[in-house]
Amino acid sequence: MRDLHPYLVLSPLAFNDKTSLVIGLPMTTAEYNASNPFAVVAGKASGNKSDKTSYVLCHQPKSFDWRMRDAKPHPLGQLQESYFEQVRELLNQIIQLT
């Protein structure tokens, strides 16, 4: 896959550094996610997709070795707190940890 692929990291930095793993959720600008009950709107995308809405896919938790993939923080940084709260609430409904 080419280009940047945004990913919302949920695991804490201490875990990520010690294990080389990140646990989180993929993000996409695919328009069909507007009606996806498991996708949370995360604002407008950046770069060449700035006219598109970005979505966090709460039903697709994933982990990967960020060192092996040479992953870097996304230029936009952190997700706005209001969007992150929606992600946490929906993810909790799915996996019911709390």
C-alpha atoms as a PDB file:
ATOM      1  CA  MET A   1       0.000   0.000   0.000  1.00  0.00           C
ATOM      2  CA  ARG A   2       1.288   3.413  -0.931  1.00  0.00           C
ATOM      3  CA  ASP A   3       0.879   6.761   0.764  1.00  0.00           C
ATOM      4  CA  LEU A   4       0.067   7.505   4.389  1.00  0.00           C
ATOM      5  CA  HIS A   5      -2.456   5.289   6.095  1.00  0.00           C
ATOM      6  CA  PRO A   6      -3.736   6.976   9.242  1.00  0.00           C
ATOM      7  CA  TYR A   7      -4.210   4.787  12.285  1.00  0.00           C
ATOM      8  CA  LEU A   8      -5.587   5.784  15.680  1.00  0.00           C
ATOM      9  CA  VAL A   9      -3.200   4.356  18.270  1.00  0.00           C
ATOM     10  CA  LEU A  10      -4.957   3.290  21.467  1.00  0.00           C
ATOM     11  CA  SER A  11      -2.117   1.581  23.311  1.00  0.00           C
ATOM     12  CA  PRO A  12       0.059   3.648  25.665  1.00  0.00           C
ATOM     13  CA  LEU A  13       3.507   4.854  24.641  1.00  0.00           C
ATOM     14  CA  ALA A  14       5.270   2.771  27.315  1.00  0.00           C
ATOM     15  CA  PHE A  15       3.710  -0.418  25.889  1.00  0.00           C
ATOM     16  CA  ASN A  16       4.466   0.613  22.309  1.00  0.00           C
ATOM     17  CA  ASP A  17       8.130   1.337  23.091  1.00  0.00           C
ATOM     18  CA  LYS A  18       8.688  -1.847  25.077  1.00  0.00           C
ATOM     19  CA  THR A  19       6.996  -4.261  22.659  1.00  0.00           C
ATOM     20  CA  SER A  20       7.368  -2.491  19.277  1.00  0.00           C
ATOM     21  CA  LEU A  21       3.614  -3.062  18.889  1.00  0.00           C
ATOM     22  CA  VAL A  22       0.817  -0.547  18.559  1.00  0.00           C
ATOM     23  CA  ILE A  23      -2.821  -1.438  19.092  1.00  0.00           C
ATOM     24  CA  GLY A  24      -5.394   0.761  17.461  1.00  0.00           C
ATOM     25  CA  LEU A  25      -7.955   1.398  14.783  1.00  0.00           C
ATOM     26  CA  PRO A  26      -7.553   2.105  11.070  1.00  0.00           C
ATOM     27  CA  MET A  27      -8.823   5.322   9.558  1.00  0.00           C
ATOM     28  CA  THR A  28     -10.206   5.878   6.078  1.00  0.00           C
ATOM     29  CA  THR A  29     -11.850   8.415   3.805  1.00  0.00           C
ATOM     30  CA  ALA A  30     -14.015   5.840   1.998  1.00  0.00           C
ATOM     31  CA  GLU A  31     -17.375   7.577   1.599  1.00  0.00           C
ATOM     32  CA  TYR A  32     -19.471   4.446   2.172  1.00  0.00           C
ATOM     33  CA  ASN A  33     -18.490   4.660   5.845  1.00  0.00           C
ATOM     34  CA  ALA A  34     -20.895   7.585   6.274  1.00  0.00           C
ATOM     35  CA  SER A  35     -23.613   4.974   6.873  1.00  0.00           C
ATOM     36  CA  ASN A  36     -21.380   2.504   8.740  1.00  0.00           C
ATOM     37  CA  PRO A  37     -22.673   2.257  12.341  1.00  0.00           C
ATOM     38  CA  PHE A  38     -19.174   1.286  13.517  1.00  0.00           C
ATOM     39  CA  ALA A  39     -17.374   4.259  11.950  1.00  0.00           C
ATOM     40  CA  VAL A  40     -16.832   7.507  13.835  1.00  0.00           C
ATOM     41  CA  VAL A  41     -16.380  10.767  11.956  1.00  0.00           C
ATOM     42  CA  ALA A  42     -12.914  12.125  12.723  1.00  0.00           C
ATOM     43  CA  GLY A  43     -13.119  15.435  10.882  1.00  0.00           C
ATOM     44  CA  LYS A  44     -11.734  16.449   7.513  1.00  0.00           C
ATOM     45  CA  ALA A  45      -8.796  14.619   5.991  1.00  0.00           C
ATOM     46  CA  SER A  46      -5.604  16.470   5.119  1.00  0.00           C
ATOM     47  CA  GLY A  47      -3.387  16.755   2.068  1.00  0.00           C
ATOM     48  CA  ASN A  48      -4.779  15.740  -1.294  1.00  0.00           C
ATOM     49  CA  LYS A  49      -7.926  14.352   0.391  1.00  0.00           C
ATOM     50  CA  SER A  50      -8.782  17.557   2.270  1.00  0.00           C
ATOM     51  CA  ASP A  51     -12.233  17.662   0.691  1.00  0.00           C
ATOM     52  CA  LYS A  52     -13.112  14.262   2.231  1.00  0.00           C
ATOM     53  CA  THR A  53     -14.322  13.220   5.652  1.00  0.00           C
ATOM     54  CA  SER A  54     -12.096  10.919   7.686  1.00  0.00           C
ATOM     55  CA  TYR A  55     -13.558   7.984   9.644  1.00  0.00           C
ATOM     56  CA  VAL A  56     -12.192   5.778  12.456  1.00  0.00           C
ATOM     57  CA  LEU A  57     -13.228   2.135  11.963  1.00  0.00           C
ATOM     58  CA  CYS A  58     -14.058   0.983  15.490  1.00  0.00           C
ATOM     59  CA  HIS A  59     -14.946  -2.564  14.427  1.00  0.00           C
ATOM     60  CA  GLN A  60     -11.456  -3.281  13.059  1.00  0.00           C
ATOM     61  CA  PRO A  61      -8.966  -3.183  15.976  1.00  0.00           C
ATOM     62  CA  LYS A  62      -5.513  -4.175  14.804  1.00  0.00           C
ATOM     63  CA  SER A  63      -1.970  -4.417  16.054  1.00  0.00           C
ATOM     64  CA  PHE A  64       1.294  -4.256  14.174  1.00  0.00           C
ATOM     65  CA  ASP A  65       5.012  -3.907  14.770  1.00  0.00           C
ATOM     66  CA  TRP A  66       5.639  -0.226  14.157  1.00  0.00           C
ATOM     67  CA  ARG A  67       9.433  -0.660  14.045  1.00  0.00           C
ATOM     68  CA  MET A  68       9.286  -3.316  11.315  1.00  0.00           C
ATOM     69  CA  ARG A  69       6.955  -1.112   9.269  1.00  0.00           C
ATOM     70  CA  ASP A  70       8.988   2.004  10.015  1.00  0.00           C
ATOM     71  CA  ALA A  71       5.761   3.720  11.083  1.00  0.00           C
ATOM     72  CA  LYS A  72       5.823   7.394  11.988  1.00  0.00           C
ATOM     73  CA  PRO A  73       3.359   9.673  13.767  1.00  0.00           C
ATOM     74  CA  HIS A  74       0.792  11.197  11.428  1.00  0.00           C
ATOM     75  CA  PRO A  75       1.513  14.857  10.625  1.00  0.00           C
ATOM     76  CA  LEU A  76      -1.865  15.876  12.074  1.00  0.00           C
ATOM     77  CA  GLY A  77      -0.993  14.528  15.511  1.00  0.00           C
ATOM     78  CA  GLN A  78      -3.764  13.644  17.918  1.00  0.00           C
ATOM     79  CA  LEU A  79      -7.446  13.198  17.251  1.00  0.00           C
ATOM     80  CA  GLN A  80      -9.683  15.884  18.748  1.00  0.00           C
ATOM     81  CA  GLU A  81     -10.899  14.876  22.216  1.00  0.00           C
ATOM     82  CA  SER A  82     -14.584  14.965  21.218  1.00  0.00           C
ATOM     83  CA  TYR A  83     -13.974  12.497  18.376  1.00  0.00           C
ATOM     84  CA  PHE A  84     -11.783  10.320  20.602  1.00  0.00           C
ATOM     85  CA  GLU A  85     -14.550  10.144  23.211  1.00  0.00           C
ATOM     86  CA  GLN A  86     -16.975   8.903  20.539  1.00  0.00           C
ATOM     87  CA  VAL A  87     -14.441   6.248  19.482  1.00  0.00           C
ATOM     88  CA  ARG A  88     -13.991   5.072  23.094  1.00  0.00           C
ATOM     89  CA  GLU A  89     -17.751   4.848  23.645  1.00  0.00           C
ATOM     90  CA  LEU A  90     -18.375   2.882  20.446  1.00  0.00           C
ATOM     91  CA  LEU A  91     -15.390   0.568  20.973  1.00  0.00           C
ATOM     92  CA  ASN A  92     -16.601  -0.138  24.512  1.00  0.00           C
ATOM     93  CA  GLN A  93     -20.030  -1.084  23.140  1.00  0.00           C
ATOM     94  CA  ILE A  94     -18.331  -3.534  20.788  1.00  0.00           C
ATOM     95  CA  ILE A  95     -15.842  -5.209  23.135  1.00  0.00           C
ATOM     96  CA  GLN A  96     -17.401  -4.314  26.535  1.00  0.00           C
ATOM     97  CA  LEU A  97     -14.246  -3.978  28.594  1.00  0.00           C
ATOM     98  CA  THR A  98     -15.692  -1.452  31.023  1.00  0.00           C
END
